[in-house]
C-alpha cells in the first residue's frame, strides 16, 4: 500500500530523491536518510541528504527569486498562494495518508493537518490585500507621517515531525504573500511528507512561470541547520521544536542580529473546577492528552482538578483510557497511533521511572506494547506539585493528575512551569473564567474556557510565552514577523522644520 501511495504523490522509488528547487542531494556525500513507518518499524524509502554545497545552491536560488518576487504586487502573490491551497485540497486525502504512514498520526488528525494548510492559504490570500500600515499626525505643519511594511528577504523554516507539513504552510503561505522566499528544513523523521509538499509547490510555481519561491533542503543539523541559523542572507529563522533546539537557534541567529520566530515546548495544563460540565471536560481531556499520541506541543500534560470533582473525574478517565483503541493509524477504529521512534518510547519509560521515584503513582498504562512499531500504553499518573518531572515536557501520552482546593491554587499550579504555550479551564462561573483570562490568571499564550488545550484555529496568532519562545504564527497580525517596518515622513511645506520645536540657527 505504501508504494502505491508514494507513486500517487509522485514519490516512487525512482525519484524519491529528486532535486531541483528541492535539494535532497542525488550526488551528496552524506548518508542516505531512511523514512521509517513508526507503526511497523520498517523503512518506507530512503532519501539522499543535502550537502553544504547543495544548501548554498538553494540559498542563491531563493535570494535571486526574492529580487523579483518582492516587486510582484501583493494581491498577485496572494493569487499564487490561493492556487497552492487548491493544490493541497486536490491532494488532501493522499497527503493525509502519507502523513499517517510516516508519523503514525491517525488519519482524521492527518486530514485535519492538511485542512490547516488549505485554510492558511485562504487566509494568506485575503491578507495579501490587507498588509496595512498606519498614518498619524505630525507636530510640524504640512508633514505627513506614516508606517509601511516591506518584504524581509529569504525566510528559513525549521519544522518538527509532529506537524510535518502544517507548520511549513503556516510560515510559507504568510511569508510568500509578504513578498519573501522560503527555505524549508523539515524534520529528518518526515522527509517524504516534505518532498510531497515541495512537489505540489513546484507544480503551482511551474504553471505560473515561477521558480525559487518555495525551496526545500533535507539534511542534518550539522551542517544544514547550522548553515541556516548562521547565514546572513536569511534575515528570519522560524523554528519549531524543543526548547533545547530553540536556545541553539536563538543564540546562532542573535550573533548576527537576525530575527527568530520560535515555537518551542509546551507543558500544558487543563483546570477543572467543581462547577464544570464533566462530560464536556472529559471529551476535551481525552483529545488533548491522547491526540497525536501525546506528541503535540499543545498536548494536555497536567490535569488540575478541584478536590470536589477529582474522584469522579478520575474514575471517568480511567474507564475511558481502558477503552482506547491503539494501533494502525489508517484504521478508522484507531484512537491513538504509535510514537515516532524507539528513542521516544525509551524517553517515555525513563520519565515514568523518574515520576515513580519522585512519589508519583501510575494508575493506568505505563508500559510499552510488545508488537511491531513504537506503541505504548496511554498513561495516567497521580502526582503532586513538588515533582520536578511534571515541569518537564515529555513528548508522550503521559497525563499527570493534580488536586487543588481553590481557583487561585489551580492557576498558581498551572503557571509553575518554565513553558507557557496553551492552557484551559472548565467552569460554569463567569467570574472564574474571567479571573483565569485576566492579568492574574494564565500566563500562557493561549487560554481557553470550556475547551481543551489542543486544536487552535488559524484565524488568530498561535504561540506561547516563557520557554515556549514568544513567537507568533498564523492569523491576527503575525504577518508582521515576515516583513520589515519603515517609518516615513514627507515634508510638503517647502521649508525646513525640525521636531521638538528645535531652532537650529537661521
Protein backbone atom coordinates (compact mmCIF):
# COMPACT_ATOMS: atom_id res chain seq x y z
CA UNK A 1 0.00 0.00 0.00
CA UNK A 2 2.80 2.46 0.84
CA UNK A 3 4.43 2.07 -2.61
CA UNK A 4 1.11 2.81 -4.35
CA UNK A 5 0.62 5.87 -2.15
CA UNK A 6 4.12 7.16 -2.86
CA UNK A 7 3.59 6.74 -6.59
CA UNK A 8 0.27 8.61 -6.38
CA UNK A 9 2.13 11.58 -4.93
CA UNK A 10 4.91 11.27 -7.49
CA UNK A 11 7.29 9.78 -4.93
CA UNK A 12 8.04 6.42 -6.49
CA UNK A 13 11.32 4.65 -5.80
CA UNK A 14 12.97 6.18 -8.88
CA UNK A 15 12.54 9.83 -7.99
CA UNK A 16 12.16 9.89 -4.21
CA UNK A 17 15.42 11.85 -4.01
CA UNK A 18 14.63 14.23 -6.86
CA UNK A 19 16.44 17.54 -6.98
CA UNK A 20 15.76 20.92 -8.46
CA UNK A 21 14.35 23.64 -6.25
CA UNK A 22 14.07 20.84 -3.73
CA UNK A 23 17.59 19.66 -2.97
CA UNK A 24 17.89 16.21 -1.44
CA UNK A 25 21.32 15.76 -2.99
CA UNK A 26 21.44 12.97 -5.60
CA UNK A 27 25.22 13.16 -5.55
CA UNK A 28 25.58 14.12 -1.92
CA UNK A 29 28.40 12.70 0.10
CA UNK A 30 26.09 12.39 3.11
CA UNK A 31 24.50 9.12 4.10
CA UNK A 32 21.06 8.19 2.91
CA UNK A 33 18.21 9.07 5.24
CA UNK A 34 15.66 6.32 5.94
CA UNK A 35 11.99 7.23 6.31
CA UNK A 36 10.58 4.73 8.83
CA UNK A 37 6.94 3.81 9.36
CA UNK A 38 6.50 4.03 13.16
CA UNK A 39 3.57 1.62 13.01
CA UNK A 40 5.79 -1.19 11.72
CA UNK A 41 9.35 -0.07 12.31
CA UNK A 42 10.06 -0.75 8.63
CA UNK A 43 11.72 1.59 6.15
CA UNK A 44 9.36 3.17 3.62
CA UNK A 45 12.01 4.80 1.42
CA UNK A 46 15.44 6.40 1.51
CA UNK A 47 16.39 9.97 0.69
CA UNK A 48 19.84 11.35 -0.08
CA UNK A 49 20.65 14.18 2.32
CA UNK A 50 21.88 17.51 1.03
CA UNK A 51 25.46 18.70 1.33
CA UNK A 52 26.60 22.18 2.26
CA UNK A 53 27.23 22.85 -1.45
CA UNK A 54 23.63 21.83 -2.19
CA UNK A 55 22.42 24.22 0.50
CA UNK A 56 24.37 27.12 -0.94
CA UNK A 57 22.82 26.44 -4.33
CA UNK A 58 19.33 26.68 -2.84
CA UNK A 59 20.12 29.89 -0.94
CA UNK A 60 21.33 31.51 -4.14
CA UNK A 61 18.17 30.40 -5.95
CA UNK A 62 15.96 31.81 -3.17
CA UNK A 63 17.94 35.05 -3.00
CA UNK A 64 17.64 35.71 -6.73
CA UNK A 65 13.95 34.82 -6.73
CA UNK A 66 13.34 37.32 -3.90
CA UNK A 67 14.62 40.22 -6.01
CA UNK A 68 11.71 39.85 -8.43
CA UNK A 69 9.13 38.33 -6.07
CA UNK A 70 9.29 41.35 -3.73
CA UNK A 71 8.25 43.57 -6.66
CA UNK A 72 5.26 41.41 -7.55
CA UNK A 73 2.11 43.15 -6.29
CA UNK A 74 0.92 41.54 -3.06
CA UNK A 75 -2.53 40.58 -4.44
CA UNK A 76 -0.78 38.71 -7.27
CA UNK A 77 1.35 36.92 -4.70
CA UNK A 78 -1.88 36.08 -2.89
CA UNK A 79 -3.30 34.52 -6.04
CA UNK A 80 -0.31 32.17 -6.27
CA UNK A 81 -0.81 31.11 -2.64
CA UNK A 82 -4.53 30.62 -3.30
CA UNK A 83 -3.64 28.23 -6.11
CA UNK A 84 -1.29 26.42 -3.76
CA UNK A 85 -4.15 25.91 -1.34
CA UNK A 86 -6.23 24.43 -4.15
CA UNK A 87 -3.39 22.02 -4.96
CA UNK A 88 -3.34 20.91 -1.32
CA UNK A 89 -7.12 20.46 -1.47
CA UNK A 90 -6.82 18.30 -4.58
CA UNK A 91 -4.22 16.07 -2.93
CA UNK A 92 -5.72 16.19 0.57
CA UNK A 93 -6.53 12.51 1.11
CA UNK A 94 -3.31 11.15 -0.40
CA UNK A 95 -1.16 13.62 1.52
CA UNK A 96 -3.01 12.80 4.75
CA UNK A 97 -2.36 9.09 4.23
CA UNK A 98 1.33 9.81 3.75
CA UNK A 99 1.36 11.82 6.98
CA UNK A 100 -0.22 8.89 8.81
CA UNK A 101 2.23 6.47 7.22
CA UNK A 102 5.32 8.50 8.11
CA UNK A 103 4.34 9.97 11.51
CA UNK A 104 1.88 7.44 12.96
CA UNK A 105 -0.77 10.16 13.34
CA UNK A 106 -4.30 8.78 12.95
CA UNK A 107 -5.93 9.60 9.62
CA UNK A 108 -8.60 12.04 10.93
CA UNK A 109 -5.85 14.12 12.54
CA UNK A 110 -3.75 13.94 9.39
CA UNK A 111 -6.73 15.11 7.33
CA UNK A 112 -7.11 17.99 9.78
CA UNK A 113 -3.48 18.91 9.33
CA UNK A 114 -3.85 19.18 5.55
CA UNK A 115 -7.02 21.22 6.08
CA UNK A 116 -4.93 23.63 8.16
CA UNK A 117 -2.65 24.04 5.13
CA UNK A 118 -5.65 24.81 2.94
CA UNK A 119 -7.08 27.23 5.50
CA UNK A 120 -3.84 29.17 5.93
CA UNK A 121 -3.57 29.59 2.17
CA UNK A 122 -7.10 31.03 2.11
CA UNK A 123 -6.26 33.37 4.98
CA UNK A 124 -2.99 34.43 3.34
CA UNK A 125 -4.68 35.12 0.01
CA UNK A 126 -7.08 37.51 1.72
CA UNK A 127 -4.26 39.01 3.75
CA UNK A 128 -2.42 39.92 0.57
CA UNK A 129 -4.85 42.83 0.16
CA UNK A 130 -4.51 43.94 3.80
CA UNK A 131 -0.80 44.42 4.52
CA UNK A 132 -1.66 47.74 6.05
CA UNK A 133 0.42 50.44 7.69
CA UNK A 134 -0.75 53.36 9.84
CA UNK A 135 -0.88 57.13 9.33
CA UNK A 136 -0.54 59.60 12.17
CA UNK A 137 -0.42 63.39 12.62
CA UNK A 138 2.85 65.29 12.64
CA UNK A 139 3.61 68.11 15.05
CA UNK A 140 5.01 70.02 12.06
CA UNK A 141 2.82 71.81 9.55
CA UNK A 142 2.38 70.20 6.14
CA UNK A 143 4.18 67.00 7.03
CA UNK A 144 2.72 63.53 6.56
CA UNK A 145 3.84 60.67 8.81
CA UNK A 146 3.09 57.03 8.18
CA UNK A 147 4.39 53.49 8.57
CA UNK A 148 4.67 50.93 5.81
CA UNK A 149 5.84 47.34 5.54
CA UNK A 150 8.28 45.83 3.03
CA UNK A 151 9.27 42.23 2.23
CA UNK A 152 12.01 40.96 4.52
CA UNK A 153 14.00 38.52 2.35
CA UNK A 154 14.71 34.81 2.47
CA UNK A 155 12.93 33.14 5.41
CA UNK A 156 14.30 29.93 6.91
CA UNK A 157 11.71 27.46 8.23
CA UNK A 158 12.77 24.60 10.51
CA UNK A 159 9.87 22.29 11.30
CA UNK A 160 9.24 19.32 13.61
CA UNK A 161 7.92 15.81 12.88
CA UNK A 162 4.61 16.06 14.72
CA UNK A 163 3.11 18.52 12.25
CA UNK A 164 5.31 17.73 9.27
CA UNK A 165 3.50 19.94 6.75
CA UNK A 166 1.13 22.33 8.55
CA UNK A 167 3.89 24.29 10.29
CA UNK A 168 5.61 24.79 6.93
CA UNK A 169 2.37 26.11 5.44
CA UNK A 170 1.72 28.40 8.42
CA UNK A 171 5.03 30.10 7.73
CA UNK A 172 5.36 29.74 3.97
CA UNK A 173 1.89 30.96 2.96
CA UNK A 174 2.15 34.12 5.05
CA UNK A 175 5.80 34.77 4.16
CA UNK A 176 5.07 34.35 0.45
CA UNK A 177 2.25 36.92 0.35
CA UNK A 178 4.52 39.25 2.30
CA UNK A 179 6.97 39.02 -0.60
CA UNK A 180 9.53 36.69 0.96
CA UNK A 181 11.02 33.47 -0.40
CA UNK A 182 11.32 30.39 1.78
CA UNK A 183 13.94 27.73 2.53
CA UNK A 184 12.47 24.79 4.44
CA UNK A 185 14.44 22.31 6.53
CA UNK A 186 11.96 19.63 7.64
CA UNK A 187 12.36 17.06 10.39
CA UNK A 188 14.56 14.14 9.40
CA UNK A 189 11.77 11.88 10.67
CA UNK A 190 9.39 13.02 7.91
CA UNK A 191 11.30 13.66 4.66
CA UNK A 192 8.65 12.12 2.37
CA UNK A 193 5.91 14.46 3.61
CA UNK A 194 8.20 17.39 2.88
CA UNK A 195 9.10 16.16 -0.60
CA UNK A 196 5.43 15.58 -1.44
CA UNK A 197 4.53 19.15 -0.42
CA UNK A 198 7.51 20.58 -2.30
CA UNK A 199 6.41 18.78 -5.46
CA UNK A 200 2.97 20.39 -5.10
CA UNK A 201 4.62 23.78 -4.67
CA UNK A 202 6.76 23.14 -7.75
CA UNK A 203 3.69 22.23 -9.79
CA UNK A 204 1.94 25.51 -8.92
CA UNK A 205 5.10 27.53 -9.50
CA UNK A 206 5.70 25.87 -12.86
CA UNK A 207 2.17 26.68 -14.05
CA UNK A 208 2.84 30.33 -13.26
CA UNK A 209 6.35 30.55 -14.71
CA UNK A 210 7.95 30.96 -11.28
CA UNK A 211 10.87 29.33 -9.54
CA UNK A 212 12.67 29.62 -6.24
CA UNK A 213 9.80 30.92 -4.07
CA UNK A 214 9.43 27.71 -2.07
CA UNK A 215 12.63 25.71 -1.53
CA UNK A 216 13.41 22.52 0.38
CA UNK A 217 16.70 21.25 1.81
CA UNK A 218 16.73 17.90 3.60
CA UNK A 219 19.81 17.47 5.74
CA UNK A 220 21.16 17.10 9.28
CA UNK A 221 21.52 19.85 11.88
CA UNK A 222 25.23 19.85 11.11
CA UNK A 223 25.88 21.27 8.58
CA UNK A 224 22.45 22.28 7.20
CA UNK A 225 20.75 23.54 10.35
CA UNK A 226 23.87 25.38 11.45
CA UNK A 227 24.19 26.92 7.99
CA UNK A 228 20.63 28.28 8.06
CA UNK A 229 20.94 29.80 11.53
CA UNK A 230 24.31 31.36 10.74
CA UNK A 231 23.50 32.66 7.25
CA UNK A 232 23.49 36.46 6.91
CA UNK A 233 21.34 36.06 3.78
CA UNK A 234 18.46 34.70 5.90
CA UNK A 235 17.09 37.59 7.99
CA UNK A 236 14.42 35.48 9.74
CA UNK A 237 14.54 31.90 11.00
CA UNK A 238 11.26 30.36 12.14
CA UNK A 239 11.96 27.24 14.21
CA UNK A 240 9.53 24.76 15.74
CA UNK A 241 10.82 22.13 18.15
CA UNK A 242 12.23 21.58 21.61
CA UNK A 243 13.34 24.33 23.96
CA UNK A 244 16.88 22.97 23.74
CA UNK A 245 16.85 23.34 19.97
CA UNK A 246 15.31 26.80 20.24
CA UNK A 247 18.09 28.03 22.50
CA UNK A 248 20.69 26.98 19.96
CA UNK A 249 18.79 28.62 17.10
CA UNK A 250 18.26 31.84 19.07
CA UNK A 251 21.92 32.10 20.03
CA UNK A 252 23.16 31.49 16.50
CA UNK A 253 20.77 33.95 14.88
CA UNK A 254 21.28 36.60 17.57
CA UNK A 255 25.02 36.57 16.97
CA UNK A 256 24.37 38.01 13.50
CA UNK A 257 21.47 40.25 14.64
CA UNK A 258 18.91 38.23 12.71
CA UNK A 259 15.34 37.61 13.77
CA UNK A 260 13.84 34.43 15.18
CA UNK A 261 10.27 33.20 15.40
CA UNK A 262 10.30 30.38 17.97
CA UNK A 263 7.55 27.85 18.67
CA UNK A 264 9.06 25.59 21.32
CA UNK A 265 7.99 23.28 24.14
CA UNK A 266 4.64 23.18 25.83
CA UNK A 267 3.67 21.75 29.22
CA UNK A 268 0.00 22.49 29.14
CA UNK A 269 -2.46 22.27 31.99
CA UNK A 270 -6.23 21.89 31.96
CA UNK A 271 -8.08 23.05 35.08
CA UNK A 272 -11.44 21.52 36.03
CA UNK A 273 -13.38 23.30 38.78
CA UNK A 274 -16.16 21.82 40.91
CA UNK A 275 -18.88 23.52 38.87
CA UNK A 276 -17.62 22.24 35.49
CA UNK A 277 -19.58 20.19 32.96
CA UNK A 278 -17.64 16.95 33.46
CA UNK A 279 -18.84 15.27 30.27
CA UNK A 280 -17.61 18.23 28.24
CA UNK A 281 -14.33 18.31 30.14
CA UNK A 282 -13.75 14.57 29.71
CA UNK A 283 -14.02 14.69 25.90
CA UNK A 284 -11.57 17.57 25.72
CA UNK A 285 -9.12 15.96 28.14
CA UNK A 286 -9.06 12.76 26.10
CA UNK A 287 -8.29 14.51 22.81
CA UNK A 288 -5.85 16.88 24.46
CA UNK A 289 -3.91 14.10 26.19
CA UNK A 290 -4.04 11.39 23.50
CA UNK A 291 -4.13 13.30 20.21
CA UNK A 292 -1.05 12.51 18.10
CA UNK A 293 -0.11 10.04 20.89
CA UNK A 294 0.76 12.96 23.18
CA UNK A 295 3.23 14.37 20.65
CA UNK A 296 1.71 17.83 20.19
CA UNK A 297 3.18 21.00 21.61
CA UNK A 298 -0.38 21.71 22.84
CA UNK A 299 -0.89 18.25 24.40
CA UNK A 300 -2.64 18.27 27.79
CA UNK A 301 0.08 17.05 30.15
CA UNK A 302 -1.28 18.15 33.52
CA UNK A 303 -4.88 17.83 34.71
CA UNK A 304 -5.54 20.11 37.68
CA UNK A 305 -8.78 19.15 39.43
CA UNK A 306 -10.61 20.85 42.26
CA UNK A 307 -10.98 18.27 45.02
CA UNK A 308 -14.77 18.15 44.93
CA UNK A 309 -14.89 16.54 41.47
CA UNK A 310 -11.50 14.81 41.45
CA UNK A 311 -12.67 11.30 42.44
CA UNK A 312 -15.49 11.21 39.88
CA UNK A 313 -13.45 12.69 37.02
CA UNK A 314 -10.52 10.37 37.78
CA UNK A 315 -12.81 7.33 37.64
CA UNK A 316 -14.27 8.50 34.32
CA UNK A 317 -10.79 8.99 32.88
CA UNK A 318 -9.59 5.56 33.95
CA UNK A 319 -12.64 3.96 32.37
CA UNK A 320 -12.17 5.89 29.12
CA UNK A 321 -8.43 5.16 28.90
CA UNK A 322 -9.04 1.43 29.17
CA UNK A 323 -11.32 1.63 26.11
CA UNK A 324 -8.83 3.43 23.86
CA UNK A 325 -8.07 1.60 20.62
CA UNK A 326 -4.33 1.65 19.89
CA UNK A 327 -2.96 0.51 16.56
CA UNK A 328 -2.70 1.20 12.84
CA UNK A 329 -3.32 4.94 12.32
CA UNK A 330 -5.05 4.24 8.98
CA UNK A 331 -7.63 2.00 10.69
CA UNK A 332 -10.82 4.07 11.26
CA UNK A 333 -11.31 2.49 14.70
CA UNK A 334 -7.88 3.57 15.98
CA UNK A 335 -7.82 6.38 18.52
CA UNK A 336 -4.07 6.50 19.17
CA UNK A 337 -1.19 5.50 16.94
CA UNK A 338 2.49 4.94 17.78
CA UNK A 339 5.23 7.23 19.00
CA UNK A 340 7.58 8.49 16.31
CA UNK A 341 10.57 6.21 17.04
CA UNK A 342 12.24 3.87 19.54
CA UNK A 343 14.00 6.75 21.27
CA UNK A 344 10.63 8.33 22.07
CA UNK A 345 9.47 5.09 23.72
CA UNK A 346 12.62 4.95 25.85
CA UNK A 347 12.22 8.61 26.84
CA UNK A 348 8.65 7.95 27.99
CA UNK A 349 9.65 4.92 30.07
CA UNK A 350 12.51 6.87 31.64
CA UNK A 351 10.16 9.73 32.56
CA UNK A 352 7.72 7.32 34.21
CA UNK A 353 10.53 5.78 36.25
CA UNK A 354 11.54 9.24 37.46
CA UNK A 355 7.90 10.06 38.25
CA UNK A 356 7.63 6.99 40.47
CA UNK A 357 10.91 7.81 42.18
CA UNK A 358 9.55 11.28 42.94
CA UNK A 359 6.38 9.92 44.54
CA UNK A 360 4.04 9.61 41.56
CA UNK A 361 1.68 6.65 41.24
CA UNK A 362 0.94 5.10 37.82
CA UNK A 363 -2.78 4.31 37.90
CA UNK A 364 -3.23 3.43 34.23
CA UNK A 365 -0.90 2.24 31.47
CA UNK A 366 2.79 2.82 31.88
CA UNK A 367 4.22 0.18 29.56
CA UNK A 368 5.43 -0.17 26.01
CA UNK A 369 3.39 -2.55 23.85
CA UNK A 370 5.24 -5.59 22.55
CA UNK A 371 4.45 -5.50 18.85
CA UNK A 372 5.99 -4.20 15.66
CA UNK A 373 6.38 -0.45 15.68
CA UNK A 374 6.69 2.01 18.54
CA UNK A 375 3.46 1.63 20.51
CA UNK A 376 2.92 2.50 24.17
CA UNK A 377 0.04 2.44 26.61
CA UNK A 378 -1.53 5.84 27.32
CA UNK A 379 -0.62 6.57 30.92
CA UNK A 380 -2.16 8.36 33.90
CA UNK A 381 -0.01 9.29 36.89
CA UNK A 382 -1.28 10.63 40.21
CA UNK A 383 1.21 13.37 41.01
CA UNK A 384 1.97 16.18 43.43
CA UNK A 385 3.18 19.69 42.77
CA UNK A 386 6.70 19.16 44.12
CA UNK A 387 7.61 16.56 41.47
CA UNK A 388 10.20 18.12 39.17
CA UNK A 389 9.31 15.73 36.32
CA UNK A 390 5.95 17.44 35.83
CA UNK A 391 7.79 20.65 34.98
CA UNK A 392 9.49 18.97 32.02
CA UNK A 393 7.89 18.34 28.65
CA UNK A 394 7.85 14.62 27.85
CA UNK A 395 6.62 14.15 24.28
CA UNK A 396 4.43 11.15 25.06
CA UNK A 397 0.89 10.27 26.25
CA UNK A 398 1.51 10.85 29.97
CA UNK A 399 -1.18 12.72 31.92
CA UNK A 400 -0.32 13.89 35.44
CA UNK A 401 -3.26 14.30 37.85
CA UNK A 402 -3.04 17.07 40.44
CA UNK A 403 -5.64 18.10 43.04
CA UNK A 404 -6.16 21.61 44.41
CA UNK A 405 -8.55 23.39 46.75
CA UNK A 406 -9.13 26.76 45.10
CA UNK A 407 -9.07 28.51 41.74
CA UNK A 408 -6.09 30.59 42.86
CA UNK A 409 -4.16 27.42 43.75
CA UNK A 410 -5.09 25.89 40.41
CA UNK A 411 -3.77 28.90 38.48
CA UNK A 412 -0.57 29.01 40.55
CA UNK A 413 -0.02 25.30 39.90
CA UNK A 414 -0.65 25.73 36.19
CA UNK A 415 1.80 28.61 35.88
CA UNK A 416 4.51 26.91 37.95
CA UNK A 417 6.38 25.50 34.93
CA UNK A 418 9.00 27.03 32.60
CA UNK A 419 6.80 26.68 29.50
CA UNK A 420 3.84 28.90 28.59
CA UNK A 421 2.05 27.71 25.47
CA UNK A 422 -1.56 26.57 26.00
CA UNK A 423 -3.95 26.44 28.94
CA UNK A 424 -7.62 25.70 29.59
CA UNK A 425 -10.24 25.89 32.31
CA UNK A 426 -13.62 24.21 32.62
CA UNK A 427 -16.13 26.12 34.74
CA UNK A 428 -19.68 27.42 34.57
CA UNK A 429 -18.70 30.52 36.55
CA UNK A 430 -18.21 33.72 34.58
CA UNK A 431 -16.22 35.14 37.49
CA UNK A 432 -13.81 32.17 37.50
CA UNK A 433 -13.45 32.26 33.72
CA UNK A 434 -12.62 35.97 33.68
CA UNK A 435 -10.17 35.53 36.55
CA UNK A 436 -8.40 32.82 34.53
CA UNK A 437 -8.23 35.10 31.47
CA UNK A 438 -7.14 38.17 33.41
CA UNK A 439 -3.71 39.51 34.31
CA UNK A 440 -3.65 37.37 37.48
CA UNK A 441 -4.62 34.26 35.53
CA UNK A 442 -2.99 32.07 32.92
CA UNK A 443 0.49 33.15 31.84
CA UNK A 444 0.25 31.22 28.56
CA UNK A 445 -0.01 32.49 25.01
CA UNK A 446 -3.26 30.53 24.61
CA UNK A 447 -6.01 30.48 27.24
CA UNK A 448 -9.28 28.63 26.61
CA UNK A 449 -12.52 28.39 28.54
CA UNK A 450 -14.59 25.20 28.27
CA UNK A 451 -12.47 23.71 25.50
CA UNK A 452 -9.14 21.91 25.63
CA UNK A 453 -5.53 22.89 25.16
CA UNK A 454 -5.29 21.42 21.62
CA UNK A 455 -6.99 22.33 18.37
CA UNK A 456 -6.23 26.01 17.80
CA UNK A 457 -7.73 27.70 14.74
CA UNK A 458 -5.54 29.65 12.34
CA UNK A 459 -7.56 32.89 12.45
CA UNK A 460 -5.68 34.22 15.48
CA UNK A 461 -1.98 34.18 16.29
CA UNK A 462 -0.56 30.93 17.65
CA UNK A 463 2.32 30.82 20.13
CA UNK A 464 3.42 30.93 23.74
CA UNK A 465 5.48 32.67 26.38
CA UNK A 466 8.49 31.85 28.60
CA UNK A 467 10.46 28.84 27.30
CA UNK A 468 7.91 28.37 24.53
CA UNK A 469 9.82 31.13 22.79
CA UNK A 470 7.43 34.06 22.36
CA UNK A 471 6.86 33.57 18.63
CA UNK A 472 3.51 34.03 16.91
CA UNK A 473 2.38 32.32 13.70
CA UNK A 474 -0.79 32.09 11.57
CA UNK A 475 -3.50 34.74 11.93
CA UNK A 476 -4.09 38.16 13.50
CA UNK A 477 -1.03 40.36 12.87
CA UNK A 478 1.52 37.51 12.91
CA UNK A 479 2.32 38.54 9.31
CA UNK A 480 4.39 41.43 10.65
CA UNK A 481 7.13 38.96 11.67
CA UNK A 482 7.83 38.34 7.99
CA UNK A 483 8.19 41.98 6.97
CA UNK A 484 10.31 44.99 7.87
CA UNK A 485 8.70 48.14 9.23
CA UNK A 486 9.57 51.54 7.79
CA UNK A 487 8.64 54.89 9.36
CA UNK A 488 8.20 57.61 6.74
CA UNK A 489 7.82 61.38 6.90
CA UNK A 490 7.04 63.54 3.87
CA UNK A 491 7.64 67.29 4.08
CA UNK A 492 5.46 69.13 1.55
CA UNK A 493 5.64 72.54 3.25
CA UNK A 494 8.51 73.93 1.18
CA UNK A 495 10.52 74.92 4.27
CA UNK A 496 12.69 73.17 6.83
CA UNK A 497 11.07 72.43 10.19
CA UNK A 498 12.65 70.40 13.00
CA UNK A 499 10.72 68.32 15.50
CA UNK A 500 10.57 69.05 19.23
CA UNK A 501 10.47 72.80 18.38
CA UNK A 502 14.25 72.80 17.85
CA UNK A 503 15.55 76.02 16.28
CA UNK A 504 18.94 75.30 14.68
CA UNK A 505 20.04 78.81 13.79
CA UNK A 506 18.72 80.80 10.85
